């Protein structure tokens, strides 16, 4: 949320652009900016910290120095193809707001109201609720 490194700040800026992309031209620009980010910060993302193993001094252990930025970059890189399906198919909504407010929220409330039910009866309740939404 509040990155300290330059790479983290730039990646955060890129991620905040995603919700406002509404055309394929904007998507192409975004991908170009993302590729520039990868080129610019590739060495930074590969930095490793090596620590000596206190039990066996001959073995060394390492970990990635900037694990949070690497994790955010990994999430973006591997989920990028799924983010913009709505651009090629007009029947797919841009956000999941309809799902969250239309199905998940009332379903959570229903389960909460009937929290004393056994697991099998909760499954039946959910099945009835979902079949009524079709």
N, C-alpha and C. Protein backbone atom coordinates (compact mmCIF):
# COMPACT_ATOMS: atom_id res chain seq x y z
N UNK A 1 0.82 -1.20 0.00
CA UNK A 1 0.00 0.00 0.00
C UNK A 1 0.87 1.27 0.00
N UNK A 2 1.92 1.24 0.79
CA UNK A 2 2.80 2.40 0.88
C UNK A 2 4.24 1.98 0.61
N UNK A 3 4.58 1.77 -0.65
CA UNK A 3 5.93 1.30 -0.98
C UNK A 3 6.99 2.34 -0.65
N UNK A 4 8.16 1.84 -0.29
CA UNK A 4 9.27 2.74 0.04
C UNK A 4 10.27 2.85 -1.10
N UNK A 5 10.44 1.78 -1.85
CA UNK A 5 11.42 1.80 -2.93
C UNK A 5 10.83 2.47 -4.18
N UNK A 6 11.72 2.93 -5.03
CA UNK A 6 11.30 3.55 -6.29
C UNK A 6 10.54 2.55 -7.16
N UNK A 7 11.02 1.31 -7.20
CA UNK A 7 10.34 0.27 -7.99
C UNK A 7 8.94 0.02 -7.44
N UNK A 8 8.81 -0.04 -6.13
CA UNK A 8 7.51 -0.25 -5.51
C UNK A 8 6.55 0.88 -5.81
N UNK A 9 7.06 2.11 -5.77
CA UNK A 9 6.21 3.27 -6.06
C UNK A 9 5.74 3.27 -7.51
N UNK A 10 6.65 2.92 -8.43
CA UNK A 10 6.26 2.89 -9.85
C UNK A 10 5.27 1.76 -10.13
N UNK A 11 5.50 0.61 -9.50
CA UNK A 11 4.57 -0.50 -9.68
C UNK A 11 3.20 -0.15 -9.10
N UNK A 12 3.18 0.53 -7.99
CA UNK A 12 1.92 0.97 -7.38
C UNK A 12 1.17 1.92 -8.32
N UNK A 13 1.90 2.84 -8.95
CA UNK A 13 1.28 3.75 -9.91
C UNK A 13 0.69 2.98 -11.10
N UNK A 14 1.43 1.98 -11.57
CA UNK A 14 0.94 1.16 -12.68
C UNK A 14 -0.34 0.42 -12.28
N UNK A 15 -0.36 -0.14 -11.10
CA UNK A 15 -1.51 -0.91 -10.65
C UNK A 15 -2.74 -0.02 -10.50
N UNK A 16 -2.55 1.22 -10.11
CA UNK A 16 -3.68 2.14 -9.95
C UNK A 16 -4.27 2.56 -11.30
N UNK A 17 -3.54 2.35 -12.39
CA UNK A 17 -4.04 2.67 -13.73
C UNK A 17 -5.04 1.62 -14.21
N UNK A 18 -4.90 0.39 -13.75
CA UNK A 18 -5.69 -0.74 -14.25
C UNK A 18 -7.20 -0.47 -14.26
N UNK A 19 -7.80 0.06 -13.18
CA UNK A 19 -9.27 0.23 -13.20
C UNK A 19 -9.79 1.26 -14.20
N UNK A 20 -8.94 2.16 -14.67
CA UNK A 20 -9.43 3.20 -15.57
C UNK A 20 -9.22 2.85 -17.04
N UNK A 21 -8.65 1.69 -17.33
CA UNK A 21 -8.44 1.28 -18.72
C UNK A 21 -9.77 0.86 -19.32
N UNK A 22 -10.14 1.51 -20.43
CA UNK A 22 -11.43 1.20 -21.03
C UNK A 22 -11.35 0.95 -22.55
N UNK A 23 -10.17 1.10 -23.13
CA UNK A 23 -10.03 0.83 -24.56
C UNK A 23 -8.77 -0.01 -24.80
N UNK A 24 -8.70 -0.59 -25.98
CA UNK A 24 -7.53 -1.40 -26.32
C UNK A 24 -6.28 -0.53 -26.49
N UNK A 25 -6.44 0.71 -26.93
CA UNK A 25 -5.30 1.62 -27.03
C UNK A 25 -4.71 1.90 -25.66
N UNK A 26 -5.57 2.14 -24.69
CA UNK A 26 -5.09 2.36 -23.32
C UNK A 26 -4.40 1.11 -22.79
N UNK A 27 -4.93 -0.05 -23.12
CA UNK A 27 -4.31 -1.31 -22.70
C UNK A 27 -2.93 -1.46 -23.32
N UNK A 28 -2.81 -1.12 -24.60
CA UNK A 28 -1.51 -1.22 -25.26
C UNK A 28 -0.48 -0.29 -24.60
N UNK A 29 -0.92 0.92 -24.25
CA UNK A 29 -0.02 1.86 -23.55
C UNK A 29 0.37 1.32 -22.19
N UNK A 30 -0.59 0.73 -21.48
CA UNK A 30 -0.32 0.17 -20.16
C UNK A 30 0.71 -0.95 -20.26
N UNK A 31 0.54 -1.83 -21.24
CA UNK A 31 1.48 -2.94 -21.41
C UNK A 31 2.86 -2.43 -21.75
N UNK A 32 2.92 -1.36 -22.56
CA UNK A 32 4.21 -0.75 -22.89
C UNK A 32 4.87 -0.20 -21.62
N UNK A 33 4.11 0.50 -20.79
CA UNK A 33 4.65 1.03 -19.53
C UNK A 33 5.10 -0.10 -18.61
N UNK A 34 4.34 -1.18 -18.59
CA UNK A 34 4.70 -2.31 -17.73
C UNK A 34 5.99 -2.97 -18.21
N UNK A 35 6.14 -3.12 -19.52
CA UNK A 35 7.37 -3.69 -20.07
C UNK A 35 8.57 -2.80 -19.77
N UNK A 36 8.38 -1.49 -19.81
CA UNK A 36 9.45 -0.55 -19.45
C UNK A 36 9.81 -0.71 -17.97
N UNK A 37 8.80 -0.91 -17.14
CA UNK A 37 9.05 -1.13 -15.71
C UNK A 37 9.90 -2.39 -15.51
N UNK A 38 9.54 -3.47 -16.18
CA UNK A 38 10.28 -4.73 -16.06
C UNK A 38 11.73 -4.53 -16.52
N UNK A 39 11.92 -3.86 -17.66
CA UNK A 39 13.27 -3.63 -18.18
C UNK A 39 14.09 -2.78 -17.20
N UNK A 40 13.46 -1.74 -16.64
CA UNK A 40 14.16 -0.81 -15.77
C UNK A 40 14.53 -1.44 -14.42
N UNK A 41 13.64 -2.26 -13.87
CA UNK A 41 13.84 -2.76 -12.51
C UNK A 41 14.11 -4.26 -12.45
N UNK A 42 14.49 -4.87 -13.56
CA UNK A 42 14.74 -6.31 -13.58
C UNK A 42 15.83 -6.71 -12.59
N UNK A 43 16.95 -6.00 -12.60
CA UNK A 43 18.04 -6.32 -11.68
C UNK A 43 17.62 -6.10 -10.22
N UNK A 44 16.87 -5.05 -9.97
CA UNK A 44 16.38 -4.76 -8.62
C UNK A 44 15.51 -5.90 -8.11
N UNK A 45 14.63 -6.42 -8.97
CA UNK A 45 13.73 -7.49 -8.55
C UNK A 45 14.45 -8.81 -8.33
N UNK A 46 15.63 -8.97 -8.94
CA UNK A 46 16.39 -10.22 -8.78
C UNK A 46 17.40 -10.17 -7.65
N UNK A 47 17.51 -9.05 -6.95
CA UNK A 47 18.49 -8.94 -5.87
C UNK A 47 18.21 -9.97 -4.79
N UNK A 48 19.30 -10.59 -4.32
CA UNK A 48 19.19 -11.61 -3.28
C UNK A 48 20.01 -11.21 -2.07
N UNK A 49 19.53 -11.63 -0.91
CA UNK A 49 20.27 -11.46 0.33
C UNK A 49 20.72 -12.84 0.76
N UNK A 50 22.01 -12.96 1.03
CA UNK A 50 22.57 -14.25 1.43
C UNK A 50 22.89 -14.19 2.91
N UNK A 51 22.42 -15.19 3.63
CA UNK A 51 22.74 -15.29 5.06
C UNK A 51 23.41 -16.62 5.30
N UNK A 52 24.32 -16.63 6.25
CA UNK A 52 24.98 -17.88 6.59
C UNK A 52 24.07 -18.68 7.49
N UNK A 53 24.04 -19.95 7.27
CA UNK A 53 23.26 -20.86 8.08
C UNK A 53 23.96 -21.00 9.44
N UNK A 54 23.29 -20.63 10.54
CA UNK A 54 23.96 -20.69 11.84
C UNK A 54 24.25 -22.12 12.30
N UNK A 55 23.56 -23.10 11.79
CA UNK A 55 23.77 -24.48 12.20
C UNK A 55 24.94 -25.09 11.45
N UNK A 56 24.93 -24.93 10.15
CA UNK A 56 26.00 -25.46 9.31
C UNK A 56 26.62 -24.29 8.57
N UNK A 57 27.79 -23.85 8.99
CA UNK A 57 28.41 -22.65 8.44
C UNK A 57 28.85 -22.82 6.99
N UNK A 58 28.94 -24.04 6.51
CA UNK A 58 29.35 -24.25 5.12
C UNK A 58 28.20 -24.01 4.14
N UNK A 59 26.96 -24.16 4.60
CA UNK A 59 25.81 -23.94 3.72
C UNK A 59 25.36 -22.50 3.82
N UNK A 60 24.96 -21.96 2.71
CA UNK A 60 24.43 -20.59 2.69
C UNK A 60 22.96 -20.65 2.30
N UNK A 61 22.21 -19.73 2.82
CA UNK A 61 20.80 -19.63 2.48
C UNK A 61 20.58 -18.23 1.91
N UNK A 62 19.68 -18.12 0.97
CA UNK A 62 19.40 -16.82 0.38
C UNK A 62 17.90 -16.61 0.27
N UNK A 63 17.54 -15.36 0.12
CA UNK A 63 16.15 -15.00 -0.15
C UNK A 63 16.16 -13.72 -0.95
N UNK A 64 15.05 -13.48 -1.66
CA UNK A 64 14.96 -12.26 -2.45
C UNK A 64 14.83 -11.06 -1.52
N UNK A 65 15.61 -10.05 -1.79
CA UNK A 65 15.67 -8.87 -0.92
C UNK A 65 14.37 -8.09 -0.93
N UNK A 66 13.77 -7.94 -2.08
CA UNK A 66 12.57 -7.11 -2.22
C UNK A 66 11.35 -8.00 -2.47
N UNK A 67 11.04 -8.81 -1.50
CA UNK A 67 10.00 -9.84 -1.70
C UNK A 67 8.61 -9.24 -1.91
N UNK A 68 8.29 -8.13 -1.28
CA UNK A 68 6.95 -7.54 -1.45
C UNK A 68 6.76 -7.00 -2.87
N UNK A 69 7.77 -6.33 -3.40
CA UNK A 69 7.68 -5.80 -4.76
C UNK A 69 7.66 -6.95 -5.75
N UNK A 70 8.48 -7.98 -5.49
CA UNK A 70 8.48 -9.17 -6.37
C UNK A 70 7.12 -9.84 -6.37
N UNK A 71 6.51 -9.95 -5.20
CA UNK A 71 5.21 -10.59 -5.09
C UNK A 71 4.14 -9.82 -5.86
N UNK A 72 4.13 -8.50 -5.69
CA UNK A 72 3.15 -7.67 -6.41
C UNK A 72 3.37 -7.77 -7.91
N UNK A 73 4.63 -7.76 -8.33
CA UNK A 73 4.95 -7.88 -9.75
C UNK A 73 4.51 -9.24 -10.29
N UNK A 74 4.76 -10.30 -9.53
CA UNK A 74 4.36 -11.65 -9.94
C UNK A 74 2.85 -11.73 -10.12
N UNK A 75 2.11 -11.18 -9.15
CA UNK A 75 0.65 -11.19 -9.23
C UNK A 75 0.17 -10.46 -10.49
N UNK A 76 0.75 -9.31 -10.74
CA UNK A 76 0.36 -8.53 -11.91
C UNK A 76 0.69 -9.28 -13.20
N UNK A 77 1.91 -9.80 -13.28
CA UNK A 77 2.36 -10.47 -14.51
C UNK A 77 1.50 -11.69 -14.83
N UNK A 78 1.17 -12.48 -13.83
CA UNK A 78 0.45 -13.72 -14.10
C UNK A 78 -1.06 -13.54 -14.20
N UNK A 79 -1.59 -12.44 -13.70
CA UNK A 79 -3.03 -12.20 -13.79
C UNK A 79 -3.40 -11.20 -14.88
N UNK A 80 -2.41 -10.59 -15.50
CA UNK A 80 -2.66 -9.59 -16.52
C UNK A 80 -3.56 -10.07 -17.67
N UNK A 81 -3.39 -11.29 -18.16
CA UNK A 81 -4.28 -11.73 -19.25
C UNK A 81 -5.76 -11.77 -18.84
N UNK A 82 -6.04 -11.99 -17.57
CA UNK A 82 -7.43 -12.10 -17.12
C UNK A 82 -8.06 -10.73 -16.81
N UNK A 83 -7.25 -9.73 -16.56
CA UNK A 83 -7.77 -8.43 -16.13
C UNK A 83 -8.63 -7.73 -17.18
N UNK A 84 -8.33 -7.94 -18.44
CA UNK A 84 -8.95 -7.13 -19.49
C UNK A 84 -9.82 -7.93 -20.44
N UNK A 85 -10.41 -8.99 -19.98
CA UNK A 85 -11.32 -9.79 -20.81
C UNK A 85 -12.54 -8.97 -21.24
N UNK A 86 -12.92 -7.99 -20.43
CA UNK A 86 -14.09 -7.17 -20.74
C UNK A 86 -13.90 -6.31 -21.98
N UNK A 87 -12.66 -6.09 -22.40
CA UNK A 87 -12.41 -5.29 -23.60
C UNK A 87 -12.78 -6.06 -24.87
N UNK A 88 -12.62 -7.37 -24.86
CA UNK A 88 -12.92 -8.15 -26.05
C UNK A 88 -14.32 -8.77 -26.02
N UNK A 89 -14.96 -8.80 -24.86
CA UNK A 89 -16.29 -9.38 -24.74
C UNK A 89 -17.18 -8.42 -23.97
N UNK A 90 -18.14 -7.83 -24.65
CA UNK A 90 -18.97 -6.79 -24.02
C UNK A 90 -19.94 -7.35 -22.98
N UNK A 91 -20.14 -8.66 -22.93
CA UNK A 91 -21.05 -9.23 -21.94
C UNK A 91 -20.37 -9.41 -20.57
N UNK A 92 -19.06 -9.23 -20.52
CA UNK A 92 -18.34 -9.35 -19.26
C UNK A 92 -18.25 -7.96 -18.62
N UNK A 93 -18.70 -7.83 -17.36
CA UNK A 93 -18.61 -6.52 -16.71
C UNK A 93 -17.16 -6.15 -16.39
N UNK A 94 -16.91 -4.86 -16.28
CA UNK A 94 -15.56 -4.37 -16.02
C UNK A 94 -15.12 -4.67 -14.58
N UNK A 95 -16.06 -4.65 -13.66
CA UNK A 95 -15.74 -4.90 -12.25
C UNK A 95 -16.58 -6.05 -11.72
N UNK A 96 -16.27 -6.48 -10.51
CA UNK A 96 -17.04 -7.54 -9.86
C UNK A 96 -18.06 -6.96 -8.88
N UNK A 97 -18.36 -5.69 -9.00
CA UNK A 97 -19.30 -5.06 -8.07
C UNK A 97 -20.66 -5.74 -8.07
N UNK A 98 -21.14 -6.12 -9.23
CA UNK A 98 -22.43 -6.79 -9.33
C UNK A 98 -22.41 -8.12 -8.59
N UNK A 99 -21.32 -8.82 -8.70
CA UNK A 99 -21.17 -10.10 -8.01
C UNK A 99 -21.11 -9.90 -6.50
N UNK A 100 -20.32 -8.93 -6.07
CA UNK A 100 -20.15 -8.69 -4.63
C UNK A 100 -21.45 -8.22 -3.98
N UNK A 101 -22.11 -7.25 -4.58
CA UNK A 101 -23.32 -6.70 -3.98
C UNK A 101 -24.57 -7.47 -4.33
N UNK A 102 -24.55 -8.19 -5.44
CA UNK A 102 -25.76 -8.87 -5.90
C UNK A 102 -25.89 -10.29 -5.42
N UNK A 103 -24.78 -10.98 -5.21
CA UNK A 103 -24.84 -12.39 -4.82
C UNK A 103 -24.11 -12.64 -3.50
N UNK A 104 -22.85 -12.25 -3.42
CA UNK A 104 -22.06 -12.61 -2.25
C UNK A 104 -22.56 -11.97 -0.96
N UNK A 105 -22.89 -10.70 -1.00
CA UNK A 105 -23.31 -10.01 0.21
C UNK A 105 -24.62 -10.57 0.78
N UNK A 106 -25.68 -10.73 -0.03
CA UNK A 106 -26.90 -11.33 0.51
C UNK A 106 -26.70 -12.78 0.97
N UNK A 107 -25.82 -13.51 0.27
CA UNK A 107 -25.55 -14.88 0.67
C UNK A 107 -24.85 -14.93 2.03
N UNK A 108 -23.90 -14.05 2.24
CA UNK A 108 -23.24 -13.97 3.54
C UNK A 108 -24.23 -13.63 4.65
N UNK A 109 -25.11 -12.70 4.38
CA UNK A 109 -26.12 -12.31 5.36
C UNK A 109 -27.06 -13.48 5.67
N UNK A 110 -27.45 -14.23 4.66
CA UNK A 110 -28.32 -15.38 4.84
C UNK A 110 -27.64 -16.44 5.71
N UNK A 111 -26.38 -16.72 5.43
CA UNK A 111 -25.63 -17.70 6.23
C UNK A 111 -25.48 -17.21 7.66
N UNK A 112 -25.24 -15.92 7.82
CA UNK A 112 -25.09 -15.36 9.16
C UNK A 112 -26.40 -15.49 9.95
N UNK A 113 -27.52 -15.21 9.31
CA UNK A 113 -28.82 -15.31 9.99
C UNK A 113 -29.14 -16.74 10.40
N UNK A 114 -28.64 -17.70 9.62
CA UNK A 114 -28.93 -19.11 9.91
C UNK A 114 -27.65 -19.83 10.32
N UNK A 115 -26.84 -19.23 11.16
CA UNK A 115 -25.54 -19.79 11.51
C UNK A 115 -25.63 -21.04 12.38
N UNK A 116 -26.79 -21.37 12.92
CA UNK A 116 -26.94 -22.56 13.74
C UNK A 116 -27.18 -23.83 12.94
N UNK A 117 -27.34 -23.71 11.63
CA UNK A 117 -27.61 -24.88 10.79
C UNK A 117 -26.36 -25.75 10.67
N UNK A 118 -26.59 -27.04 10.48
CA UNK A 118 -25.47 -27.93 10.23
C UNK A 118 -24.91 -27.62 8.84
N UNK A 119 -23.74 -28.14 8.57
CA UNK A 119 -23.07 -27.88 7.29
C UNK A 119 -23.92 -28.39 6.11
N UNK A 120 -24.51 -29.55 6.26
CA UNK A 120 -25.34 -30.09 5.17
C UNK A 120 -26.55 -29.19 4.91
N UNK A 121 -27.18 -28.71 5.97
CA UNK A 121 -28.35 -27.85 5.80
C UNK A 121 -27.95 -26.47 5.26
N UNK A 122 -26.74 -26.01 5.61
CA UNK A 122 -26.25 -24.75 5.03
C UNK A 122 -26.05 -24.91 3.52
N UNK A 123 -25.54 -26.07 3.11
CA UNK A 123 -25.35 -26.32 1.67
C UNK A 123 -26.68 -26.30 0.93
N UNK A 124 -27.72 -26.89 1.55
CA UNK A 124 -29.05 -26.88 0.94
C UNK A 124 -29.57 -25.45 0.85
N UNK A 125 -29.37 -24.67 1.91
CA UNK A 125 -29.81 -23.28 1.94
C UNK A 125 -29.12 -22.48 0.82
N UNK A 126 -27.83 -22.67 0.67
CA UNK A 126 -27.07 -21.97 -0.37
C UNK A 126 -27.55 -22.39 -1.76
N UNK A 127 -27.81 -23.69 -1.94
CA UNK A 127 -28.29 -24.19 -3.22
C UNK A 127 -29.64 -23.56 -3.58
N UNK A 128 -30.52 -23.47 -2.61
CA UNK A 128 -31.83 -22.85 -2.85
C UNK A 128 -31.67 -21.36 -3.19
N UNK A 129 -30.79 -20.68 -2.45
CA UNK A 129 -30.56 -19.26 -2.70
C UNK A 129 -30.02 -19.03 -4.10
N UNK A 130 -29.02 -19.81 -4.50
CA UNK A 130 -28.41 -19.63 -5.82
C UNK A 130 -29.36 -20.01 -6.96
N UNK A 131 -30.19 -21.02 -6.74
CA UNK A 131 -31.14 -21.39 -7.78
C UNK A 131 -32.23 -20.33 -7.94
N UNK A 132 -32.53 -19.60 -6.90
CA UNK A 132 -33.52 -18.53 -7.00
C UNK A 132 -32.97 -17.30 -7.71
N UNK A 133 -31.65 -17.19 -7.83
CA UNK A 133 -31.00 -16.05 -8.48
C UNK A 133 -30.90 -16.22 -9.99
N UNK A 134 -31.18 -17.40 -10.51
CA UNK A 134 -31.01 -17.64 -11.95
C UNK A 134 -32.08 -16.99 -12.75
